[in-house]
Amino acid sequence: MPAIAPFSILAFLPVAGAVWYARRALAAPAGVTLIQTSLLLALALLLSPLAGLDFNVFVHLNNSILYKQVAAQLKPEDRLVVFYDYRPALPFYTQRPYVSYQSNNELAFGMTAEPRRHGNVDTPEALREIVRQSPGRVFGLIDPGDLKQKAKAIACYFRPTAFPQTPDTVVVELKLTD
């Protein structure tokens, strides 16, 4: 777990204010409700990615910052491939569907109606075909653990990128070596 930013304590100022204000009214339902609401507000602030990378305690669980950086670099002809995982937030931030490699997503059934979109691929040969047919670059998003363990057979196609690495995502560019 990443270190908690020192100024995260500011999220609990509403709780302290509510306790000070309601110290005499704790027996009343309004005082208890005020303290509960303050605690929920503090928890929401700590879990929200809106506060920024240094503020958020659990930002490693949300790759929105990385996805926004990837989206800013994508050209209309570029494609995305996600390896072994389901990442439902990625299409929201990049405004384009991605190809799943050896993983099914919730839209897999509907994607069979459009076979040219290549919703899911399961073999290295199908992956090579997607890279060959793509008019632009092909970026892959993969968990660092999967990169070391599961992707050994296809790692020769991965090229490093300038995108930052998060604890659960590495962005690589796919290039054919043949």
Protein backbone atom coordinates (compact mmCIF):
# COMPACT_ATOMS: atom_id res chain seq x y z
CA MET A 1 0.00 0.00 0.00
CA PRO A 2 1.42 3.44 -0.87
CA ALA A 3 2.28 5.88 1.88
CA ILE A 4 -0.52 8.11 3.08
CA ALA A 5 0.02 11.74 2.13
CA PRO A 6 0.52 13.86 5.28
CA PHE A 7 -2.16 16.34 4.35
CA SER A 8 -4.75 13.55 4.02
CA ILE A 9 -5.55 14.38 7.63
CA LEU A 10 -7.39 17.43 6.29
CA ALA A 11 -10.15 15.09 5.16
CA PHE A 12 -10.96 14.47 8.80
CA LEU A 13 -11.40 18.14 9.73
CA PRO A 14 -15.16 17.91 9.13
CA VAL A 15 -15.28 14.98 11.58
CA ALA A 16 -13.41 16.97 14.21
CA GLY A 17 -15.73 19.93 13.64
CA ALA A 18 -18.81 17.74 13.91
CA VAL A 19 -17.58 16.13 17.14
CA TRP A 20 -16.80 19.54 18.66
CA TYR A 21 -20.16 20.94 17.54
CA ALA A 22 -22.19 17.91 18.55
CA ARG A 23 -20.32 16.93 21.73
CA ARG A 24 -23.33 17.77 23.86
CA ALA A 25 -25.85 16.51 21.32
CA LEU A 26 -24.44 13.00 20.88
CA ALA A 27 -27.48 11.59 22.63
CA ALA A 28 -29.72 13.25 20.06
CA PRO A 29 -30.22 11.64 16.64
CA ALA A 30 -29.18 14.86 14.88
CA GLY A 31 -25.74 14.84 16.54
CA VAL A 32 -25.11 11.19 15.70
CA THR A 33 -26.24 11.80 12.09
CA LEU A 34 -23.91 14.78 11.80
CA ILE A 35 -20.91 12.75 12.93
CA GLN A 36 -21.81 9.82 10.65
CA THR A 37 -22.18 12.15 7.69
CA SER A 38 -18.82 13.76 8.45
CA LEU A 39 -17.14 10.34 8.61
CA LEU A 40 -18.66 9.36 5.25
CA LEU A 41 -17.47 12.64 3.73
CA ALA A 42 -13.93 12.03 4.99
CA LEU A 43 -13.96 8.48 3.64
CA ALA A 44 -15.27 9.67 0.26
CA LEU A 45 -12.50 12.27 0.05
CA LEU A 46 -9.84 9.67 0.80
CA LEU A 47 -11.15 7.21 -1.78
CA SER A 48 -11.92 9.71 -4.54
CA PRO A 49 -9.46 10.03 -7.46
CA LEU A 50 -10.62 13.63 -7.94
CA ALA A 51 -8.34 14.94 -5.21
CA GLY A 52 -5.19 14.04 -7.15
CA LEU A 53 -2.35 11.58 -7.05
CA ASP A 54 -0.62 12.81 -3.88
CA PHE A 55 -3.80 13.19 -1.87
CA ASN A 56 -5.49 9.91 -2.60
CA VAL A 57 -4.58 6.98 -0.38
CA PHE A 58 -5.95 4.36 -2.80
CA VAL A 59 -5.06 5.92 -6.17
CA HIS A 60 -3.23 2.75 -7.18
CA LEU A 61 -6.62 1.05 -7.43
CA ASN A 62 -7.72 3.54 -10.08
CA ASN A 63 -5.68 4.07 -13.23
CA SER A 64 -7.65 7.09 -14.42
CA ILE A 65 -4.56 9.32 -14.43
CA LEU A 66 -2.67 6.85 -16.63
CA TYR A 67 -5.67 6.30 -18.90
CA LYS A 68 -5.97 10.06 -19.45
CA GLN A 69 -2.29 10.22 -20.43
CA VAL A 70 -2.74 7.34 -22.88
CA ALA A 71 -5.86 8.99 -24.35
CA ALA A 72 -3.95 12.23 -24.91
CA GLN A 73 -1.31 10.39 -26.98
CA LEU A 74 -3.67 8.26 -29.07
CA LYS A 75 -4.32 9.06 -32.70
CA PRO A 76 -7.55 7.97 -34.40
CA GLU A 77 -5.82 5.06 -36.15
CA ASP A 78 -4.19 3.69 -32.97
CA ARG A 79 -5.55 0.62 -31.18
CA LEU A 80 -5.51 -0.67 -27.62
CA VAL A 81 -5.07 -4.24 -26.41
CA VAL A 82 -5.63 -5.26 -22.79
CA PHE A 83 -3.86 -8.42 -21.68
CA TYR A 84 -5.46 -10.93 -19.28
CA ASP A 85 -7.62 -8.35 -17.48
CA TYR A 86 -10.92 -6.55 -17.73
CA ARG A 87 -10.58 -2.76 -17.53
CA PRO A 88 -14.04 -1.19 -17.77
CA ALA A 89 -12.83 2.39 -17.21
CA LEU A 90 -10.39 2.35 -20.15
CA PRO A 91 -13.00 2.89 -22.90
CA PHE A 92 -14.48 5.77 -20.90
CA TYR A 93 -11.20 7.66 -20.70
CA THR A 94 -9.92 6.81 -24.19
CA GLN A 95 -13.30 7.00 -25.96
CA ARG A 96 -12.60 3.83 -27.93
CA PRO A 97 -13.08 0.11 -27.42
CA TYR A 98 -10.13 -2.12 -26.73
CA VAL A 99 -9.25 -5.64 -27.78
CA SER A 100 -9.07 -8.18 -24.96
CA TYR A 101 -6.29 -10.75 -25.11
CA GLN A 102 -7.17 -14.02 -23.35
CA SER A 103 -9.86 -12.35 -21.27
CA ASN A 104 -13.56 -11.83 -21.86
CA ASN A 105 -15.26 -8.59 -21.01
CA GLU A 106 -18.94 -7.89 -20.44
CA LEU A 107 -19.43 -6.85 -24.07
CA ALA A 108 -17.94 -10.03 -25.57
CA PHE A 109 -21.29 -11.47 -26.61
CA GLY A 110 -22.31 -8.27 -28.40
CA MET A 111 -18.91 -7.98 -30.08
CA THR A 112 -19.49 -11.24 -31.91
CA ALA A 113 -21.99 -9.36 -34.07
CA GLU A 114 -19.10 -7.26 -35.40
CA PRO A 115 -16.25 -9.70 -36.09
CA ARG A 116 -14.14 -7.03 -37.83
CA ARG A 117 -13.74 -5.18 -34.51
CA HIS A 118 -11.83 -8.08 -32.93
CA GLY A 119 -13.38 -7.81 -29.48
CA ASN A 120 -11.46 -10.74 -28.05
CA VAL A 121 -8.41 -12.63 -29.24
CA ASP A 122 -7.02 -15.75 -27.64
CA THR A 123 -3.94 -16.71 -29.62
CA PRO A 124 -0.61 -15.05 -30.41
CA GLU A 125 -1.39 -15.51 -34.12
CA ALA A 126 -4.62 -13.51 -33.81
CA LEU A 127 -2.72 -10.84 -31.87
CA ARG A 128 -0.09 -10.63 -34.63
CA GLU A 129 -2.88 -10.23 -37.17
CA ILE A 130 -4.34 -7.29 -35.25
CA VAL A 131 -0.93 -5.61 -35.12
CA ARG A 132 -0.44 -6.23 -38.86
CA GLN A 133 -3.86 -4.84 -39.79
CA SER A 134 -3.66 -1.76 -37.61
CA PRO A 135 -2.91 1.40 -39.60
CA GLY A 136 -1.48 3.09 -36.49
CA ARG A 137 0.32 2.10 -33.35
CA VAL A 138 -0.95 -0.64 -31.06
CA PHE A 139 -0.60 -0.09 -27.34
CA GLY A 140 -0.95 -2.87 -24.80
CA LEU A 141 -1.93 -2.52 -21.16
CA ILE A 142 -0.74 -5.33 -18.93
CA ASP A 143 -0.28 -6.03 -15.24
CA PRO A 144 3.44 -6.11 -14.31
CA GLY A 145 2.99 -9.55 -12.73
CA ASP A 146 1.40 -10.87 -15.92
CA LEU A 147 4.21 -9.31 -17.94
CA LYS A 148 6.75 -11.37 -16.01
CA GLN A 149 4.74 -14.62 -15.80
CA LYS A 150 2.01 -15.07 -18.40
CA ALA A 151 3.33 -13.03 -21.33
CA LYS A 152 6.74 -14.67 -21.80
CA ALA A 153 5.71 -16.21 -25.16
CA ILE A 154 4.63 -12.87 -26.63
CA ALA A 155 7.02 -10.53 -24.79
CA CYS A 156 9.18 -10.27 -27.91
CA TYR A 157 6.44 -8.05 -29.41
CA PHE A 158 6.48 -5.57 -26.51
CA ARG A 159 8.43 -2.31 -26.75
CA PRO A 160 8.73 0.06 -23.79
CA THR A 161 6.89 3.38 -23.88
CA ALA A 162 7.35 6.70 -22.10
CA PHE A 163 4.13 6.25 -20.14
CA PRO A 164 4.55 5.93 -16.39
CA GLN A 165 4.04 2.54 -14.79
CA THR A 166 1.48 2.12 -12.04
CA PRO A 167 1.52 -0.77 -9.56
CA ASP A 168 -1.01 -2.65 -11.67
CA THR A 169 -0.46 -1.38 -15.24
CA VAL A 170 2.40 -1.18 -17.70
CA VAL A 171 1.79 0.37 -21.12
CA VAL A 172 3.79 -1.21 -23.95
CA GLU A 173 3.77 -0.73 -27.70
CA LEU A 174 3.30 -3.85 -29.79
CA LYS A 175 5.69 -4.26 -32.74
CA LEU A 176 6.17 -7.27 -34.97
CA THR A 177 9.66 -8.67 -35.06
CA ASP A 178 9.27 -10.78 -38.19
